[in-house]
Amino acid sequence: MTTSDPLATMCTTCGAALPATPDATPGPCPTCAPPGAERGFGPRNPKVPMPVPAAGLYPAETPPSERGEAAVWRALGSQRPKGWTIWHHLVVGRGPFQAEVDFVVAVPGKGLVLIECKAGTMTRRDHRWHQNGHFMKTQPGEQLERARKSVLHALRNLLAPREMPEIAIAVCFPESSAPDERSLDAAPILFAEDLHWFDVAGHKRLLDAFSGRSYPPSERFIGALHTLWGPDWWPVRSLTRSPDRA
């Protein structure tokens, strides 16, 4: 009986060489793979389900310690539109590519909105944001763009191209009042008034973040995001190492 020689392959993301295996299955290297991949999700293990969670706020009983995020958590939790799913504190990626998102909102039939919160008094001078009078070296929009790339990369490892949602971004200043002119940034901005009346008008500003392009009605992207958020995990059988929790 003859056996085939192990075949080498490369990471589908960064191009790094992967250990030789009998089948040389393409995929991401350990550095590029999202946390969901270690739990057995994604193209390498498509039979593991990604159940869509019940619409709601996650976590529902543990408010954030940061006061600005706590205000947003209370407003979104108490005035959440029917069918919306909201997660607090999503971490995706690793090393220099790691990104944190304060809130992620899933709108069925639309996609995801990533929200960056900034507490304190926010002012704008020379087209740049200042927090409590101090210039912000990293602007909220810049943070969100990096986070969007990380979330997009993570979801691509879990979903088929036809299942990918639109990923929009928005900024929230929960302790600042809305100015007369709201067109201050490319991303929609939620101010204190928008949170107070979120069920009436504030949620519409998040809908404005979407481009309007149509996407498939599949809600698997909601299950994939819930997997990345990480309330559960599944062991992955391995001959070289024990499964660990991402």
C-alpha atoms as a PDB file:
ATOM      1  CA  MET A   1       0.000   0.000   0.000  1.00  0.00           C
ATOM      2  CA  THR A   2       1.319   3.414  -0.901  1.00  0.00           C
ATOM      3  CA  THR A   3       0.690   6.648   0.906  1.00  0.00           C
ATOM      4  CA  SER A   4       0.726  10.121  -0.561  1.00  0.00           C
ATOM      5  CA  ASP A   5       3.390  12.547   0.560  1.00  0.00           C
ATOM      6  CA  PRO A   6       2.267  15.455   2.756  1.00  0.00           C
ATOM      7  CA  LEU A   7       1.502  18.588   0.772  1.00  0.00           C
ATOM      8  CA  ALA A   8       2.392  22.092   1.852  1.00  0.00           C
ATOM      9  CA  THR A   9       0.039  25.005   1.520  1.00  0.00           C
ATOM     10  CA  MET A  10      -0.048  28.697   2.384  1.00  0.00           C
ATOM     11  CA  CYS A  11      -2.208  30.892   4.599  1.00  0.00           C
ATOM     12  CA  THR A  12      -5.077  32.266   2.554  1.00  0.00           C
ATOM     13  CA  THR A  13      -4.708  35.627   4.303  1.00  0.00           C
ATOM     14  CA  CYS A  14      -1.030  36.473   4.769  1.00  0.00           C
ATOM     15  CA  GLY A  15       0.623  33.905   2.493  1.00  0.00           C
ATOM     16  CA  ALA A  16       2.758  32.332   5.226  1.00  0.00           C
ATOM     17  CA  ALA A  17       3.728  28.674   4.774  1.00  0.00           C
ATOM     18  CA  LEU A  18       1.588  26.198   6.708  1.00  0.00           C
ATOM     19  CA  PRO A  19       2.713  22.781   8.000  1.00  0.00           C
ATOM     20  CA  ALA A  20       2.482  20.009   5.421  1.00  0.00           C
ATOM     21  CA  THR A  21      -0.606  17.829   5.696  1.00  0.00           C
ATOM     22  CA  PRO A  22      -1.890  14.862   3.660  1.00  0.00           C
ATOM     23  CA  ASP A  23      -4.744  16.893   2.188  1.00  0.00           C
ATOM     24  CA  ALA A  24      -3.174  20.377   2.232  1.00  0.00           C
ATOM     25  CA  THR A  25      -6.498  22.013   3.026  1.00  0.00           C
ATOM     26  CA  PRO A  26      -6.245  25.773   2.383  1.00  0.00           C
ATOM     27  CA  GLY A  27      -7.138  28.163   5.152  1.00  0.00           C
ATOM     28  CA  PRO A  28      -5.814  30.829   7.522  1.00  0.00           C
ATOM     29  CA  CYS A  29      -2.734  30.341   9.677  1.00  0.00           C
ATOM     30  CA  PRO A  30      -3.111  30.372  13.506  1.00  0.00           C
ATOM     31  CA  THR A  31      -2.227  34.082  13.590  1.00  0.00           C
ATOM     32  CA  CYS A  32      -4.805  35.119  10.984  1.00  0.00           C
ATOM     33  CA  ALA A  33      -7.579  32.710  11.988  1.00  0.00           C
ATOM     34  CA  PRO A  34     -10.426  34.372  13.940  1.00  0.00           C
ATOM     35  CA  PRO A  35     -11.445  33.011  17.352  1.00  0.00           C
ATOM     36  CA  GLY A  36     -14.455  31.284  15.786  1.00  0.00           C
ATOM     37  CA  ALA A  37     -12.187  29.101  13.659  1.00  0.00           C
ATOM     38  CA  GLU A  38     -10.578  27.603  16.772  1.00  0.00           C
ATOM     39  CA  ARG A  39     -14.010  26.640  18.037  1.00  0.00           C
ATOM     40  CA  GLY A  40     -14.654  24.550  14.945  1.00  0.00           C
ATOM     41  CA  PHE A  41     -16.535  27.046  12.807  1.00  0.00           C
ATOM     42  CA  GLY A  42     -15.939  28.127   9.270  1.00  0.00           C
ATOM     43  CA  PRO A  43     -15.198  26.559   5.889  1.00  0.00           C
ATOM     44  CA  ARG A  44     -13.060  23.805   7.462  1.00  0.00           C
ATOM     45  CA  ASN A  45     -15.931  22.548   9.593  1.00  0.00           C
ATOM     46  CA  PRO A  46     -19.172  23.656   7.936  1.00  0.00           C
ATOM     47  CA  LYS A  47     -21.280  21.027   9.735  1.00  0.00           C
ATOM     48  CA  VAL A  48     -20.948  22.760  13.120  1.00  0.00           C
ATOM     49  CA  PRO A  49     -24.033  24.992  13.434  1.00  0.00           C
ATOM     50  CA  MET A  50     -24.013  28.723  14.036  1.00  0.00           C
ATOM     51  CA  PRO A  51     -27.440  29.189  15.612  1.00  0.00           C
ATOM     52  CA  VAL A  52     -28.968  32.619  15.414  1.00  0.00           C
ATOM     53  CA  PRO A  53     -29.443  33.879  18.994  1.00  0.00           C
ATOM     54  CA  ALA A  54     -32.691  35.314  20.246  1.00  0.00           C
ATOM     55  CA  ALA A  55     -32.909  39.015  19.498  1.00  0.00           C
ATOM     56  CA  GLY A  56     -31.798  40.982  22.526  1.00  0.00           C
ATOM     57  CA  LEU A  57     -28.901  42.663  24.303  1.00  0.00           C
ATOM     58  CA  TYR A  58     -25.756  40.681  25.112  1.00  0.00           C
ATOM     59  CA  PRO A  59     -24.782  40.642  27.921  1.00  0.00           C
ATOM     60  CA  ALA A  60     -28.201  41.496  29.284  1.00  0.00           C
ATOM     61  CA  GLU A  61     -27.430  41.649  33.005  1.00  0.00           C
ATOM     62  CA  THR A  62     -23.909  43.044  33.282  1.00  0.00           C
ATOM     63  CA  PRO A  63     -23.655  46.787  32.525  1.00  0.00           C
ATOM     64  CA  PRO A  64     -20.295  48.154  31.355  1.00  0.00           C
ATOM     65  CA  SER A  65     -18.074  49.767  33.956  1.00  0.00           C
ATOM     66  CA  GLU A  66     -17.275  52.764  31.740  1.00  0.00           C
ATOM     67  CA  ARG A  67     -19.977  55.388  32.309  1.00  0.00           C
ATOM     68  CA  GLY A  68     -20.413  56.396  28.665  1.00  0.00           C
ATOM     69  CA  GLU A  69     -20.779  52.807  27.502  1.00  0.00           C
ATOM     70  CA  ALA A  70     -23.127  52.126  30.444  1.00  0.00           C
ATOM     71  CA  ALA A  71     -25.412  54.944  29.257  1.00  0.00           C
ATOM     72  CA  VAL A  72     -25.489  53.474  25.752  1.00  0.00           C
ATOM     73  CA  TRP A  73     -26.069  49.958  27.137  1.00  0.00           C
ATOM     74  CA  ARG A  74     -29.087  51.160  29.135  1.00  0.00           C
ATOM     75  CA  ALA A  75     -30.559  53.116  26.230  1.00  0.00           C
ATOM     76  CA  LEU A  76     -30.141  50.351  23.662  1.00  0.00           C
ATOM     77  CA  GLY A  77     -31.359  47.683  26.067  1.00  0.00           C
ATOM     78  CA  SER A  78     -34.524  49.507  27.109  1.00  0.00           C
ATOM     79  CA  GLN A  79     -35.431  50.951  23.693  1.00  0.00           C
ATOM     80  CA  ARG A  80     -34.171  48.239  21.355  1.00  0.00           C
ATOM     81  CA  PRO A  81     -36.299  47.945  18.193  1.00  0.00           C
ATOM     82  CA  LYS A  82     -38.005  44.603  17.718  1.00  0.00           C
ATOM     83  CA  GLY A  83     -35.777  42.030  16.048  1.00  0.00           C
ATOM     84  CA  TRP A  84     -32.494  43.869  16.658  1.00  0.00           C
ATOM     85  CA  THR A  85     -29.598  42.072  18.334  1.00  0.00           C
ATOM     86  CA  ILE A  86     -26.965  44.090  20.184  1.00  0.00           C
ATOM     87  CA  TRP A  87     -23.610  42.992  21.597  1.00  0.00           C
ATOM     88  CA  HIS A  88     -21.355  44.945  23.933  1.00  0.00           C
ATOM     89  CA  HIS A  89     -17.575  44.680  23.631  1.00  0.00           C
ATOM     90  CA  LEU A  90     -16.544  42.580  20.656  1.00  0.00           C
ATOM     91  CA  VAL A  91     -12.865  41.692  20.239  1.00  0.00           C
ATOM     92  CA  VAL A  92     -11.672  40.300  16.901  1.00  0.00           C
ATOM     93  CA  GLY A  93      -8.276  39.612  15.401  1.00  0.00           C
ATOM     94  CA  ARG A  94      -4.938  39.074  17.083  1.00  0.00           C
ATOM     95  CA  GLY A  95      -1.695  40.911  17.625  1.00  0.00           C
ATOM     96  CA  PRO A  96      -1.377  44.113  15.584  1.00  0.00           C
ATOM     97  CA  PHE A  97      -4.631  43.277  13.781  1.00  0.00           C
ATOM     98  CA  GLN A  98      -6.721  43.037  16.947  1.00  0.00           C
ATOM     99  CA  ALA A  99      -9.641  45.432  17.155  1.00  0.00           C
ATOM    100  CA  GLU A 100     -12.235  46.146  19.822  1.00  0.00           C
ATOM    101  CA  VAL A 101     -15.738  47.400  19.153  1.00  0.00           C
ATOM    102  CA  ASP A 102     -17.818  48.981  21.913  1.00  0.00           C
ATOM    103  CA  PHE A 103     -21.176  47.892  20.471  1.00  0.00           C
ATOM    104  CA  VAL A 104     -22.313  45.892  17.458  1.00  0.00           C
ATOM    105  CA  VAL A 105     -25.917  46.102  16.275  1.00  0.00           C
ATOM    106  CA  ALA A 106     -27.418  43.497  13.939  1.00  0.00           C
ATOM    107  CA  VAL A 107     -30.395  44.687  11.922  1.00  0.00           C
ATOM    108  CA  PRO A 108     -32.169  41.814  10.118  1.00  0.00           C
ATOM    109  CA  GLY A 109     -32.318  42.347   6.386  1.00  0.00           C
ATOM    110  CA  LYS A 110     -29.737  45.140   6.614  1.00  0.00           C
ATOM    111  CA  GLY A 111     -26.465  44.100   8.233  1.00  0.00           C
ATOM    112  CA  LEU A 112     -24.242  45.180  11.116  1.00  0.00           C
ATOM    113  CA  VAL A 113     -23.459  48.574  12.630  1.00  0.00           C
ATOM    114  CA  LEU A 114     -20.238  48.989  14.611  1.00  0.00           C
ATOM    115  CA  ILE A 115     -20.493  51.723  17.264  1.00  0.00           C
ATOM    116  CA  GLU A 116     -17.598  53.542  18.925  1.00  0.00           C
ATOM    117  CA  CYS A 117     -18.513  55.419  22.134  1.00  0.00           C
ATOM    118  CA  LYS A 118     -16.683  58.464  23.477  1.00  0.00           C
ATOM    119  CA  ALA A 119     -17.681  59.833  26.875  1.00  0.00           C
ATOM    120  CA  GLY A 120     -17.088  63.365  28.082  1.00  0.00           C
ATOM    121  CA  THR A 121     -17.538  66.625  26.210  1.00  0.00           C
ATOM    122  CA  MET A 122     -16.796  66.256  22.511  1.00  0.00           C
ATOM    123  CA  THR A 123     -15.931  69.300  20.406  1.00  0.00           C
ATOM    124  CA  ARG A 124     -14.742  69.658  16.841  1.00  0.00           C
ATOM    125  CA  ARG A 125     -12.034  72.050  15.696  1.00  0.00           C
ATOM    126  CA  ASP A 126     -10.241  72.119  12.369  1.00  0.00           C
ATOM    127  CA  HIS A 127     -12.191  69.047  11.243  1.00  0.00           C
ATOM    128  CA  ARG A 128     -10.810  66.982  14.141  1.00  0.00           C
ATOM    129  CA  TRP A 129     -12.486  65.770  17.334  1.00  0.00           C
ATOM    130  CA  HIS A 130     -11.371  66.837  20.816  1.00  0.00           C
ATOM    131  CA  GLN A 131     -12.408  65.023  24.017  1.00  0.00           C
ATOM    132  CA  ASN A 132     -12.722  67.179  27.147  1.00  0.00           C
ATOM    133  CA  GLY A 133     -10.614  69.811  25.400  1.00  0.00           C
ATOM    134  CA  HIS A 134      -7.834  67.397  24.415  1.00  0.00           C
ATOM    135  CA  PHE A 135      -7.008  66.556  20.828  1.00  0.00           C
ATOM    136  CA  MET A 136      -7.672  62.909  19.972  1.00  0.00           C
ATOM    137  CA  LYS A 137      -4.676  61.458  18.190  1.00  0.00           C
ATOM    138  CA  THR A 138      -6.784  58.567  16.926  1.00  0.00           C
ATOM    139  CA  GLN A 139     -10.113  59.810  15.675  1.00  0.00           C
ATOM    140  CA  PRO A 140     -13.292  57.733  16.257  1.00  0.00           C
ATOM    141  CA  GLY A 141     -13.797  57.220  12.539  1.00  0.00           C
ATOM    142  CA  GLU A 142     -10.255  55.889  12.156  1.00  0.00           C
ATOM    143  CA  GLN A 143     -10.822  53.401  14.965  1.00  0.00           C
ATOM    144  CA  LEU A 144     -14.022  52.211  13.345  1.00  0.00           C
ATOM    145  CA  GLU A 145     -12.467  51.757   9.912  1.00  0.00           C
ATOM    146  CA  ARG A 146      -9.786  49.505  11.373  1.00  0.00           C
ATOM    147  CA  ALA A 147     -12.399  47.590  13.337  1.00  0.00           C
ATOM    148  CA  ARG A 148     -14.548  47.186  10.225  1.00  0.00           C
ATOM    149  CA  LYS A 149     -11.647  45.547   8.368  1.00  0.00           C
ATOM    150  CA  SER A 150     -11.035  43.144  11.265  1.00  0.00           C
ATOM    151  CA  VAL A 151     -14.703  42.181  11.564  1.00  0.00           C
ATOM    152  CA  LEU A 152     -14.968  41.759   7.798  1.00  0.00           C
ATOM    153  CA  HIS A 153     -11.935  39.465   7.790  1.00  0.00           C
ATOM    154  CA  ALA A 154     -13.287  37.402  10.700  1.00  0.00           C
ATOM    155  CA  LEU A 155     -16.721  36.956   9.113  1.00  0.00           C
ATOM    156  CA  ARG A 156     -15.193  35.924   5.792  1.00  0.00           C
ATOM    157  CA  ASN A 157     -13.687  32.946   7.587  1.00  0.00           C
ATOM    158  CA  LEU A 158     -17.107  31.940   8.881  1.00  0.00           C
ATOM    159  CA  LEU A 159     -19.540  32.773   6.080  1.00  0.00           C
ATOM    160  CA  ALA A 160     -19.924  32.133   2.387  1.00  0.00           C
ATOM    161  CA  PRO A 161     -19.622  35.249   0.184  1.00  0.00           C
ATOM    162  CA  ARG A 162     -23.370  35.265  -0.472  1.00  0.00           C
ATOM    163  CA  GLU A 163     -24.015  35.382   3.299  1.00  0.00           C
ATOM    164  CA  MET A 164     -21.817  38.394   4.041  1.00  0.00           C
ATOM    165  CA  PRO A 165     -23.725  41.396   5.444  1.00  0.00           C
ATOM    166  CA  GLU A 166     -23.021  45.059   4.966  1.00  0.00           C
ATOM    167  CA  ILE A 167     -20.880  46.387   7.839  1.00  0.00           C
ATOM    168  CA  ALA A 168     -21.685  50.016   8.631  1.00  0.00           C
ATOM    169  CA  ILE A 169     -20.151  52.292  11.273  1.00  0.00           C
ATOM    170  CA  ALA A 170     -21.492  54.944  13.654  1.00  0.00           C
ATOM    171  CA  VAL A 171     -20.134  57.075  16.483  1.00  0.00           C
ATOM    172  CA  CYS A 172     -21.857  57.765  19.798  1.00  0.00           C
ATOM    173  CA  PHE A 173     -21.197  60.709  22.129  1.00  0.00           C
ATOM    174  CA  PRO A 174     -23.530  59.856  25.047  1.00  0.00           C
ATOM    175  CA  GLU A 175     -22.548  62.869  27.175  1.00  0.00           C
ATOM    176  CA  SER A 176     -22.540  65.553  24.475  1.00  0.00           C
ATOM    177  CA  SER A 177     -25.498  67.466  23.089  1.00  0.00           C
ATOM    178  CA  ALA A 178     -26.240  67.560  19.404  1.00  0.00           C
ATOM    179  CA  PRO A 179     -25.011  70.671  17.546  1.00  0.00           C
ATOM    180  CA  ASP A 180     -27.149  72.590  15.096  1.00  0.00           C
ATOM    181  CA  GLU A 181     -25.204  71.087  12.194  1.00  0.00           C
ATOM    182  CA  ARG A 182     -25.080  67.311  12.344  1.00  0.00           C
ATOM    183  CA  SER A 183     -23.152  66.671   9.125  1.00  0.00           C
ATOM    184  CA  LEU A 184     -19.826  66.683  10.947  1.00  0.00           C
ATOM    185  CA  ASP A 185     -18.403  63.325   9.937  1.00  0.00           C
ATOM    186  CA  ALA A 186     -18.764  60.619   7.329  1.00  0.00           C
ATOM    187  CA  ALA A 187     -20.276  58.231   9.891  1.00  0.00           C
ATOM    188  CA  PRO A 188     -23.615  58.967  11.604  1.00  0.00           C
ATOM    189  CA  ILE A 189     -23.281  60.357  15.134  1.00  0.00           C
ATOM    190  CA  LEU A 190     -25.572  59.591  18.072  1.00  0.00           C
ATOM    191  CA  PHE A 191     -25.682  62.303  20.728  1.00  0.00           C
ATOM    192  CA  ALA A 192     -27.262  62.296  24.197  1.00  0.00           C
ATOM    193  CA  GLU A 193     -30.651  63.339  22.767  1.00  0.00           C
ATOM    194  CA  ASP A 194     -30.598  60.431  20.312  1.00  0.00           C
ATOM    195  CA  LEU A 195     -30.098  57.963  23.142  1.00  0.00           C
ATOM    196  CA  HIS A 196     -32.895  59.505  25.218  1.00  0.00           C
ATOM    197  CA  TRP A 197     -35.306  59.131  22.286  1.00  0.00           C
ATOM    198  CA  PHE A 198     -33.665  56.101  20.708  1.00  0.00           C
ATOM    199  CA  ASP A 199     -36.906  54.217  20.048  1.00  0.00           C
ATOM    200  CA  VAL A 200     -38.441  57.289  18.397  1.00  0.00           C
ATOM    201  CA  ALA A 201     -35.643  58.794  16.344  1.00  0.00           C
ATOM    202  CA  GLY A 202     -32.230  57.625  17.497  1.00  0.00           C
ATOM    203  CA  HIS A 203     -32.459  54.191  15.871  1.00  0.00           C
ATOM    204  CA  LYS A 204     -33.138  55.851  12.510  1.00  0.00           C
ATOM    205  CA  ARG A 205     -29.674  57.404  12.613  1.00  0.00           C
ATOM    206  CA  LEU A 206     -28.194  53.929  12.792  1.00  0.00           C
ATOM    207  CA  LEU A 207     -30.260  52.911   9.776  1.00  0.00           C
ATOM    208  CA  ASP A 208     -28.804  55.901   7.935  1.00  0.00           C
ATOM    209  CA  ALA A 209     -25.395  54.249   8.280  1.00  0.00           C
ATOM    210  CA  PHE A 210     -26.349  51.627   5.698  1.00  0.00           C
ATOM    211  CA  SER A 211     -25.732  52.303   2.032  1.00  0.00           C
ATOM    212  CA  GLY A 212     -29.101  50.943   0.944  1.00  0.00           C
ATOM    213  CA  ARG A 213     -27.678  48.057  -1.056  1.00  0.00           C
ATOM    214  CA  SER A 214     -29.782  44.922  -0.881  1.00  0.00           C
ATOM    215  CA  TYR A 215     -28.413  41.816   0.820  1.00  0.00           C
ATOM    216  CA  PRO A 216     -29.687  38.221   1.064  1.00  0.00           C
ATOM    217  CA  PRO A 217     -32.280  37.731   3.815  1.00  0.00           C
ATOM    218  CA  SER A 218     -30.207  34.949   5.452  1.00  0.00           C
ATOM    219  CA  GLU A 219     -29.532  35.686   9.119  1.00  0.00           C
ATOM    220  CA  ARG A 220     -26.501  33.410   9.414  1.00  0.00           C
ATOM    221  CA  PHE A 221     -24.354  36.512   9.772  1.00  0.00           C
ATOM    222  CA  ILE A 222     -26.072  37.129  13.129  1.00  0.00           C
ATOM    223  CA  GLY A 223     -25.117  33.649  14.302  1.00  0.00           C
ATOM    224  CA  ALA A 224     -21.555  34.176  13.065  1.00  0.00           C
ATOM    225  CA  LEU A 225     -21.229  37.463  14.953  1.00  0.00           C
ATOM    226  CA  HIS A 226     -22.607  35.818  18.096  1.00  0.00           C
ATOM    227  CA  THR A 227     -19.959  33.136  17.699  1.00  0.00           C
ATOM    228  CA  LEU A 228     -17.209  35.744  17.434  1.00  0.00           C
ATOM    229  CA  TRP A 229     -18.561  37.490  20.521  1.00  0.00           C
ATOM    230  CA  GLY A 230     -17.966  34.199  22.303  1.00  0.00           C
ATOM    231  CA  PRO A 231     -20.625  33.073  24.806  1.00  0.00           C
ATOM    232  CA  ASP A 232     -20.022  29.409  23.934  1.00  0.00           C
ATOM    233  CA  TRP A 233     -17.291  27.236  22.522  1.00  0.00           C
ATOM    234  CA  TRP A 234     -16.852  23.808  20.967  1.00  0.00           C
ATOM    235  CA  PRO A 235     -13.742  21.630  21.306  1.00  0.00           C
ATOM    236  CA  VAL A 236     -11.793  20.874  18.146  1.00  0.00           C
ATOM    237  CA  ARG A 237     -10.193  17.478  17.827  1.00  0.00           C
ATOM    238  CA  SER A 238      -6.453  17.759  17.332  1.00  0.00           C
ATOM    239  CA  LEU A 239      -3.517  15.354  17.389  1.00  0.00           C
ATOM    240  CA  THR A 240      -1.017  18.069  18.242  1.00  0.00           C
ATOM    241  CA  ARG A 241      -2.594  20.189  20.944  1.00  0.00           C
ATOM    242  CA  SER A 242      -5.506  20.352  23.294  1.00  0.00           C
ATOM    243  CA  PRO A 243      -8.423  22.553  22.391  1.00  0.00           C
ATOM    244  CA  ASP A 244      -8.355  25.896  24.107  1.00  0.00           C
ATOM    245  CA  ARG A 245     -10.841  28.622  24.531  1.00  0.00           C
ATOM    246  CA  ALA A 246     -10.209  31.681  22.413  1.00  0.00           C
END
